[in-house]
Amino acid sequence: MDIIRVDPENKKLVDLFIELPFRIYKNIPEWVPPLVMEERSRFDVRNYPFYTHSQAVFFLALEGKKATGRLAVINNHHFNDHNHESTAFFYLFECENQPSTAALLFNAAFDWAKSQGLNKIVGPKGFTPLDGFGLLTRGFEYRPALGIPYNPSYYIDLLNGNGFELGSESVSGYLDTAMKFPSRIHELSERIQKRRGLTIAHFRNRKDLIAIIPKLKDLYNGALQGTTDGTPLTDSEARSIGSQILWFADPKLIKIVYHNDPLNCEQKKMVGFLLAYPDISGALQRRRGRIFPFGWVMILRELKRTDWININGAGLLEEYRGLGGTALLFSEMQKSIFESGQFRHAEIVQIGVENEKMQREMENFGIIFNKTHSIFERNLI
């Protein structure tokens, strides 16, 4: 058994790293392949925005010419500076059910993290806010929402066996669109909008959406105030994430909350957002994550015919939370799901378990939390 540090310029090793999960999950129908082009972009040190401020390494476990495990380790300086920590992330962990292989991979990760002056390692946690986080620990029988991690159940034992302990958890919930939504939430939302001078922007096409992408960085970074474990975005990261969103976004499902200046009605400030996407997981499963040469056609068809929608991003600036702000987001969430008439199933992804109030409110609306993802951590000193 050899643990190899992958040179991003070595196409053969990069290919082995990317292809390993396709073998591990070949008999697991729930698994959704990632976009291969996106996986490959993480090795482009010259152009991937993350590398302008931080570092990452990729380890591969080899038995002869066969890959049996892989792991990425990340030193995100923006995260550590923002949160006053010295923490490494691990990500993209995949491994055959071999404890010895996992141990060798994590020992390599621990050594590299300590060489960077980091004193803790947590994960799975990725490079950008669009990277789904956590290890699936409940709900293995369900297909994951697009971009949200899926893994075999034995990964839990592999992490526990390497000294990791549970750090935090998030839950994802299912909603059947046949349920009845309380009309009082829409009424409360309308009152809150009038009372606090808020309006909801609706987008008709991608051109409208492109125009607001540059401003989303400031909105996202502002929404981190009063929270922990977030990472501010740079301009280049915001542009890259905006491009990813535009690949498969339905503009009608993107909502931006504005506050209108009472002294100047033409002055508006972005104060909140709600991101929802048609789920194209079925197309990615059929295309095995590859969109060239004909995968784009299948994805475009899936966008129009899928009856699944994912709600996977919502936030308000700190001064607009409470006082009805949650009702406003719930109201817009319901409209995104129901108004098009296309969707029969919705998934609300990765709500922190510490947010008990929001979970209770969602359960009252008929949402069934059927998946749990867990962040694991280990001290390195």
Protein backbone atom coordinates (compact mmCIF):
# COMPACT_ATOMS: atom_id res chain seq x y z
CA MET A 1 0.00 0.00 0.00
CA ASP A 2 1.36 3.41 -1.02
CA ILE A 3 -0.01 6.83 -0.13
CA ILE A 4 0.74 9.21 -3.01
CA ARG A 5 0.46 12.98 -2.91
CA VAL A 6 -1.21 13.78 -6.21
CA ASP A 7 0.62 16.23 -8.46
CA PRO A 8 -2.16 18.32 -10.08
CA GLU A 9 -0.15 18.23 -13.33
CA ASN A 10 -0.14 14.42 -13.38
CA LYS A 11 -3.22 13.58 -15.46
CA LYS A 12 -2.98 9.86 -14.73
CA LEU A 13 -3.09 10.33 -10.96
CA VAL A 14 -5.79 13.00 -11.22
CA ASP A 15 -7.90 10.59 -13.29
CA LEU A 16 -7.46 7.84 -10.68
CA PHE A 17 -8.53 10.27 -7.95
CA ILE A 18 -11.65 11.37 -9.85
CA GLU A 19 -12.66 7.89 -11.00
CA LEU A 20 -12.42 6.08 -7.65
CA PRO A 21 -16.00 6.85 -6.42
CA PHE A 22 -17.46 5.58 -9.70
CA ARG A 23 -16.11 2.14 -8.74
CA ILE A 24 -17.04 2.35 -5.03
CA TYR A 25 -20.65 3.33 -5.81
CA LYS A 26 -21.22 1.25 -8.93
CA ASN A 27 -23.79 -0.95 -7.15
CA ILE A 28 -25.41 1.82 -5.09
CA PRO A 29 -28.33 3.24 -7.10
CA GLU A 30 -28.89 6.20 -4.75
CA TRP A 31 -25.51 7.78 -5.47
CA VAL A 32 -25.44 10.82 -7.77
CA PRO A 33 -22.15 11.37 -9.63
CA PRO A 34 -20.62 14.83 -9.39
CA LEU A 35 -19.99 16.93 -12.49
CA VAL A 36 -16.65 15.55 -13.65
CA MET A 37 -15.61 18.89 -15.13
CA GLU A 38 -16.14 20.52 -11.73
CA GLU A 39 -14.14 17.79 -10.00
CA ARG A 40 -11.29 18.33 -12.43
CA SER A 41 -11.33 22.12 -11.96
CA ARG A 42 -10.17 21.70 -8.34
CA PHE A 43 -6.79 20.55 -9.64
CA ASP A 44 -6.31 23.68 -11.76
CA VAL A 45 -4.04 25.54 -9.36
CA ARG A 46 -3.55 28.46 -11.76
CA ASN A 47 -7.25 29.20 -12.37
CA TYR A 48 -9.33 27.84 -9.48
CA PRO A 49 -10.08 30.94 -7.32
CA PHE A 50 -9.49 29.15 -4.01
CA TYR A 51 -5.74 28.91 -4.66
CA THR A 52 -5.29 32.69 -4.72
CA HIS A 53 -5.46 32.69 -0.92
CA SER A 54 -5.24 29.09 0.38
CA GLN A 55 -3.74 25.64 -0.12
CA ALA A 56 -4.96 22.09 -0.60
CA VAL A 57 -3.33 18.72 -1.15
CA PHE A 58 -4.76 15.49 -2.51
CA PHE A 59 -3.74 12.03 -1.29
CA LEU A 60 -4.35 8.76 -3.11
CA ALA A 61 -4.01 5.24 -1.69
CA LEU A 62 -2.65 2.76 -4.25
CA GLU A 63 -2.34 -1.01 -4.22
CA GLY A 64 -0.19 -1.55 -7.25
CA LYS A 65 -2.01 0.42 -9.97
CA LYS A 66 -5.39 0.24 -8.24
CA ALA A 67 -6.72 3.18 -6.21
CA THR A 68 -8.39 2.10 -2.96
CA GLY A 69 -8.83 5.43 -1.18
CA ARG A 70 -8.48 9.18 -1.58
CA LEU A 71 -8.58 12.34 0.53
CA ALA A 72 -8.22 16.11 0.08
CA VAL A 73 -6.88 18.29 2.90
CA ILE A 74 -7.51 22.04 2.90
CA ASN A 75 -5.92 25.02 4.63
CA ASN A 76 -8.45 27.80 4.07
CA HIS A 77 -6.81 30.99 5.31
CA HIS A 78 -10.00 33.04 4.87
CA PHE A 79 -11.92 30.66 7.11
CA ASN A 80 -9.22 30.66 9.77
CA ASP A 81 -8.79 34.44 9.70
CA HIS A 82 -12.56 35.05 9.89
CA ASN A 83 -13.11 32.57 12.73
CA HIS A 84 -9.78 33.07 14.55
CA GLU A 85 -8.93 29.38 14.23
CA SER A 86 -6.12 27.14 12.99
CA THR A 87 -8.25 24.43 11.42
CA ALA A 88 -7.76 22.09 8.47
CA PHE A 89 -10.66 20.67 6.47
CA PHE A 90 -10.78 17.20 5.00
CA TYR A 91 -12.91 16.62 1.94
CA LEU A 92 -13.54 14.24 -0.98
CA PHE A 93 -12.91 11.23 1.28
CA GLU A 94 -13.63 7.95 -0.47
CA CYS A 95 -12.33 4.58 0.61
CA GLU A 96 -12.94 0.89 0.25
CA ASN A 97 -13.98 -0.79 3.48
CA GLN A 98 -10.39 -1.14 4.64
CA PRO A 99 -9.57 0.47 8.01
CA SER A 100 -5.84 0.24 7.35
CA THR A 101 -6.20 2.27 4.13
CA ALA A 102 -8.26 4.95 5.87
CA ALA A 103 -5.68 5.13 8.67
CA LEU A 104 -2.83 5.72 6.22
CA LEU A 105 -4.78 8.43 4.40
CA PHE A 106 -5.72 10.28 7.57
CA ASN A 107 -2.22 10.01 9.01
CA ALA A 108 -0.93 11.70 5.84
CA ALA A 109 -3.62 14.36 6.29
CA PHE A 110 -2.71 14.92 9.96
CA ASP A 111 1.00 15.28 9.13
CA TRP A 112 0.36 17.81 6.37
CA ALA A 113 -2.07 19.83 8.49
CA LYS A 114 0.43 20.02 11.37
CA SER A 115 3.15 21.09 8.93
CA GLN A 116 0.87 24.02 8.07
CA GLY A 117 0.66 25.03 11.75
CA LEU A 118 -2.95 23.82 12.09
CA ASN A 119 -4.13 22.28 15.35
CA LYS A 120 -7.49 20.76 14.43
CA ILE A 121 -9.05 18.98 11.45
CA VAL A 122 -12.78 18.92 10.66
CA GLY A 123 -14.89 17.63 7.82
CA PRO A 124 -16.06 16.66 5.40
CA LYS A 125 -16.00 20.33 4.39
CA GLY A 126 -15.11 21.67 0.98
CA PHE A 127 -13.58 24.56 -0.92
CA THR A 128 -16.64 26.81 -1.46
CA PRO A 129 -20.12 27.43 0.00
CA LEU A 130 -21.59 25.43 -2.89
CA ASP A 131 -19.76 22.30 -1.74
CA GLY A 132 -22.11 20.16 0.30
CA PHE A 133 -20.70 19.36 3.72
CA GLY A 134 -20.80 16.55 6.24
CA LEU A 135 -20.85 12.78 6.25
CA LEU A 136 -24.23 11.16 5.67
CA THR A 137 -25.14 9.38 8.92
CA ARG A 138 -28.90 8.85 8.43
CA GLY A 139 -31.05 8.42 5.33
CA PHE A 140 -28.91 6.09 3.22
CA GLU A 141 -32.01 4.79 1.44
CA TYR A 142 -32.70 8.18 -0.20
CA ARG A 143 -31.11 9.80 -3.23
CA PRO A 144 -29.17 12.93 -2.24
CA ALA A 145 -30.10 16.37 -3.44
CA LEU A 146 -27.83 17.76 -6.13
CA GLY A 147 -24.38 18.54 -4.71
CA ILE A 148 -25.11 17.10 -1.26
CA PRO A 149 -22.79 14.31 -0.05
CA TYR A 150 -23.70 10.65 -0.10
CA ASN A 151 -21.50 7.87 1.30
CA PRO A 152 -21.66 4.24 2.46
CA SER A 153 -22.59 3.75 6.10
CA TYR A 154 -19.22 2.14 6.92
CA TYR A 155 -17.49 5.54 6.50
CA ILE A 156 -18.76 6.40 10.00
CA ASP A 157 -16.67 3.56 11.46
CA LEU A 158 -13.64 4.60 9.41
CA LEU A 159 -13.77 8.11 10.88
CA ASN A 160 -14.42 6.92 14.42
CA GLY A 161 -11.50 4.52 14.08
CA ASN A 162 -9.17 7.42 13.33
CA GLY A 163 -9.97 9.43 16.42
CA PHE A 164 -12.69 11.67 15.02
CA GLU A 165 -15.58 12.79 17.20
CA LEU A 166 -18.94 14.30 16.32
CA GLY A 167 -18.74 18.06 15.95
CA SER A 168 -22.03 19.32 14.51
CA GLU A 169 -24.99 18.05 12.53
CA SER A 170 -27.41 19.25 9.88
CA VAL A 171 -30.69 17.78 8.70
CA SER A 172 -32.41 17.74 5.32
CA GLY A 173 -36.15 17.43 4.88
CA TYR A 174 -38.65 16.20 2.34
CA LEU A 175 -41.84 18.00 1.40
CA ASP A 176 -44.64 16.60 -0.73
CA THR A 177 -46.13 19.50 -2.65
CA ALA A 178 -49.62 18.07 -2.09
CA MET A 179 -49.52 19.37 1.47
CA LYS A 180 -51.48 22.49 2.41
CA PHE A 181 -49.42 25.52 3.33
CA PRO A 182 -50.81 27.90 6.01
CA SER A 183 -52.13 31.02 4.27
CA ARG A 184 -51.33 33.03 7.38
CA ILE A 185 -47.63 32.80 6.51
CA HIS A 186 -48.23 34.67 3.24
CA GLU A 187 -50.35 37.23 5.08
CA LEU A 188 -47.63 37.72 7.70
CA SER A 189 -45.01 38.05 4.96
CA GLU A 190 -47.00 40.78 3.22
CA ARG A 191 -47.40 42.70 6.50
CA ILE A 192 -43.70 42.41 7.26
CA GLN A 193 -42.77 43.64 3.79
CA LYS A 194 -44.98 46.73 4.13
CA ARG A 195 -43.96 47.47 7.72
CA ARG A 196 -40.22 47.12 7.14
CA GLY A 197 -40.02 48.45 3.58
CA LEU A 198 -39.02 45.13 2.01
CA THR A 199 -39.62 43.91 -1.52
CA ILE A 200 -38.91 40.61 -3.27
CA ALA A 201 -37.10 40.69 -6.60
CA HIS A 202 -38.26 38.13 -9.17
CA PHE A 203 -36.17 37.26 -12.21
CA ARG A 204 -37.56 36.40 -15.62
CA ASN A 205 -34.41 35.28 -17.44
CA ARG A 206 -30.69 34.66 -17.00
CA LYS A 207 -29.85 38.17 -18.19
CA ASP A 208 -31.71 39.60 -15.19
CA LEU A 209 -29.94 37.16 -12.89
CA ILE A 210 -26.47 37.89 -14.27
CA ALA A 211 -26.90 41.56 -13.41
CA ILE A 212 -27.15 40.89 -9.67
CA ILE A 213 -24.41 38.22 -9.38
CA PRO A 214 -21.65 40.75 -8.48
CA LYS A 215 -23.71 42.05 -5.56
CA LEU A 216 -24.32 38.60 -4.11
CA LYS A 217 -20.82 38.52 -2.64
CA ASP A 218 -21.53 41.45 -0.32
CA LEU A 219 -24.91 39.99 0.58
CA TYR A 220 -23.44 36.57 1.38
CA ASN A 221 -20.57 38.01 3.39
CA GLY A 222 -22.99 40.28 5.27
CA ALA A 223 -25.21 37.30 6.12
CA LEU A 224 -22.21 35.71 7.90
CA GLN A 225 -22.33 38.37 10.60
CA GLY A 226 -23.34 36.89 13.92
CA THR A 227 -22.66 33.34 12.71
CA THR A 228 -19.74 30.95 13.11
CA ASP A 229 -17.96 28.55 10.76
CA GLY A 230 -18.54 30.69 7.67
CA THR A 231 -15.97 31.77 5.08
CA PRO A 232 -16.14 35.18 3.35
CA LEU A 233 -16.01 35.13 -0.45
CA THR A 234 -13.53 36.96 -2.63
CA ASP A 235 -14.56 38.66 -5.87
CA SER A 236 -13.15 35.83 -8.02
CA GLU A 237 -14.86 33.16 -5.90
CA ALA A 238 -18.18 35.01 -6.15
CA ARG A 239 -17.86 35.16 -9.96
CA SER A 240 -17.01 31.46 -10.11
CA ILE A 241 -19.93 30.49 -7.86
CA GLY A 242 -22.22 32.75 -9.88
CA SER A 243 -21.19 30.92 -13.05
CA GLN A 244 -21.94 27.57 -11.40
CA ILE A 245 -25.38 28.78 -10.30
CA LEU A 246 -26.17 29.94 -13.82
CA TRP A 247 -25.40 26.52 -15.28
CA PHE A 248 -28.64 25.02 -14.00
CA ALA A 249 -30.57 27.81 -12.30
CA ASP A 250 -34.17 28.60 -13.14
CA PRO A 251 -34.27 32.41 -12.69
CA LYS A 252 -37.87 32.26 -11.51
CA LEU A 253 -36.76 30.22 -8.48
CA ILE A 254 -34.14 32.73 -7.30
CA LYS A 255 -35.46 35.36 -4.88
CA ILE A 256 -33.63 38.43 -3.55
CA VAL A 257 -34.97 40.47 -0.63
CA TYR A 258 -34.43 44.24 -0.86
CA HIS A 259 -34.86 47.02 1.68
CA ASN A 260 -36.15 50.24 0.17
CA ASP A 261 -34.71 53.51 1.44
CA PRO A 262 -37.73 55.43 2.82
CA LEU A 263 -36.08 58.74 1.83
CA ASN A 264 -35.19 57.65 -1.69
CA CYS A 265 -37.36 54.97 -3.25
CA GLU A 266 -34.80 54.37 -5.99
CA GLN A 267 -32.16 53.32 -3.45
CA LYS A 268 -32.42 49.63 -2.60
CA LYS A 269 -30.20 47.40 -0.48
CA MET A 270 -29.93 43.62 -0.81
CA VAL A 271 -30.72 42.14 2.59
CA GLY A 272 -31.67 38.50 1.94
CA PHE A 273 -31.78 35.68 -0.56
CA LEU A 274 -33.45 32.37 -1.32
CA LEU A 275 -31.88 29.91 -3.77
CA ALA A 276 -33.83 27.02 -5.24
CA TYR A 277 -32.92 24.73 -8.14
CA PRO A 278 -34.58 22.08 -10.25
CA ASP A 279 -32.89 18.81 -9.31
CA ILE A 280 -30.98 17.36 -12.29
CA SER A 281 -29.66 14.35 -10.36
CA GLY A 282 -31.43 11.92 -12.70
CA ALA A 283 -29.55 13.27 -15.71
CA LEU A 284 -26.21 13.11 -13.89
CA GLN A 285 -26.87 9.50 -12.94
CA ARG A 286 -27.63 8.60 -16.56
CA ARG A 287 -24.62 10.52 -17.88
CA ARG A 288 -22.27 9.41 -15.06
CA GLY A 289 -21.42 13.03 -14.33
CA ARG A 290 -20.18 13.80 -17.82
CA ILE A 291 -21.74 16.59 -19.87
CA PHE A 292 -19.63 16.33 -23.04
CA PRO A 293 -20.31 15.84 -25.83
CA PHE A 294 -24.09 15.37 -25.44
CA GLY A 295 -24.70 15.66 -21.70
CA TRP A 296 -25.81 19.30 -21.95
CA VAL A 297 -28.83 18.25 -24.01
CA MET A 298 -29.91 15.75 -21.35
CA ILE A 299 -29.39 18.28 -18.55
CA LEU A 300 -31.46 20.92 -20.35
CA ARG A 301 -34.25 18.38 -20.80
CA GLU A 302 -34.02 17.39 -17.12
CA LEU A 303 -34.35 21.03 -16.05
CA LYS A 304 -37.72 21.19 -17.79
CA ARG A 305 -39.11 17.81 -16.81
CA THR A 306 -37.80 17.02 -13.31
CA ASP A 307 -40.49 17.09 -10.64
CA TRP A 308 -37.94 17.58 -7.82
CA ILE A 309 -36.81 20.96 -6.49
CA ASN A 310 -34.00 21.65 -4.02
CA ILE A 311 -34.09 24.57 -1.57
CA ASN A 312 -30.45 24.91 -0.62
CA GLY A 313 -29.65 28.48 0.25
CA ALA A 314 -31.41 31.10 2.36
CA GLY A 315 -30.19 33.94 4.47
CA LEU A 316 -30.87 37.41 5.85
CA LEU A 317 -28.55 40.13 7.06
CA GLU A 318 -28.35 40.00 10.83
CA GLU A 319 -30.39 43.16 11.45
CA TYR A 320 -33.30 41.74 9.39
CA ARG A 321 -33.54 38.37 11.15
CA GLY A 322 -36.44 37.81 13.49
CA LEU A 323 -39.42 40.16 13.53
CA GLY A 324 -41.03 38.16 10.73
CA GLY A 325 -38.00 37.67 8.50
CA THR A 326 -38.30 33.89 8.76
CA ALA A 327 -41.95 34.03 7.68
CA LEU A 328 -40.93 36.03 4.64
CA LEU A 329 -38.39 33.38 3.59
CA PHE A 330 -40.88 30.55 4.23
CA SER A 331 -43.50 32.33 2.14
CA GLU A 332 -41.10 32.73 -0.78
CA MET A 333 -39.93 29.14 -0.36
CA GLN A 334 -43.51 27.89 -0.73
CA LYS A 335 -44.07 30.06 -3.81
CA SER A 336 -40.92 28.74 -5.46
CA ILE A 337 -42.10 25.18 -4.93
CA PHE A 338 -45.74 25.55 -5.92
CA GLU A 339 -46.15 28.36 -8.43
CA SER A 340 -44.55 26.71 -11.46
CA GLY A 341 -46.78 23.62 -11.30
CA GLN A 342 -43.76 21.53 -12.35
CA PHE A 343 -42.67 20.15 -8.99
CA ARG A 344 -44.19 17.38 -6.89
CA HIS A 345 -41.30 16.84 -4.48
CA ALA A 346 -39.08 19.29 -2.62
CA GLU A 347 -35.98 18.85 -0.51
CA ILE A 348 -34.84 21.48 1.99
CA VAL A 349 -31.16 20.79 2.54
CA GLN A 350 -28.78 20.98 5.46
CA ILE A 351 -30.44 22.99 8.22
CA GLY A 352 -28.22 23.13 11.31
CA VAL A 353 -29.68 21.06 14.17
CA GLU A 354 -28.93 23.94 16.54
CA ASN A 355 -31.64 25.93 14.74
CA GLU A 356 -34.42 24.16 16.61
CA LYS A 357 -36.98 26.92 16.09
CA MET A 358 -36.69 26.75 12.29
CA GLN A 359 -36.92 22.96 12.36
CA ARG A 360 -40.10 23.07 14.45
CA GLU A 361 -41.65 25.62 12.11
CA MET A 362 -40.75 23.53 9.07
CA GLU A 363 -42.17 20.38 10.66
CA ASN A 364 -45.40 22.29 11.26
CA PHE A 365 -45.51 22.96 7.52
CA GLY A 366 -45.27 19.21 6.76
CA ILE A 367 -41.55 18.87 6.16
CA ILE A 368 -40.18 15.47 7.21
CA PHE A 369 -36.49 15.56 8.18
CA ASN A 370 -35.22 12.24 6.85
CA LYS A 371 -31.46 12.76 6.43
CA THR A 372 -28.66 13.76 8.76
CA HIS A 373 -25.17 14.89 7.83
CA SER A 374 -22.47 15.09 10.48
CA ILE A 375 -19.28 17.10 10.70
CA PHE A 376 -16.49 15.26 12.48
CA GLU A 377 -13.46 16.77 14.17
CA ARG A 378 -10.19 15.78 15.76
CA ASN A 379 -7.57 17.76 17.65
CA LEU A 380 -4.03 17.51 16.29
CA ILE A 381 -2.14 18.59 19.41
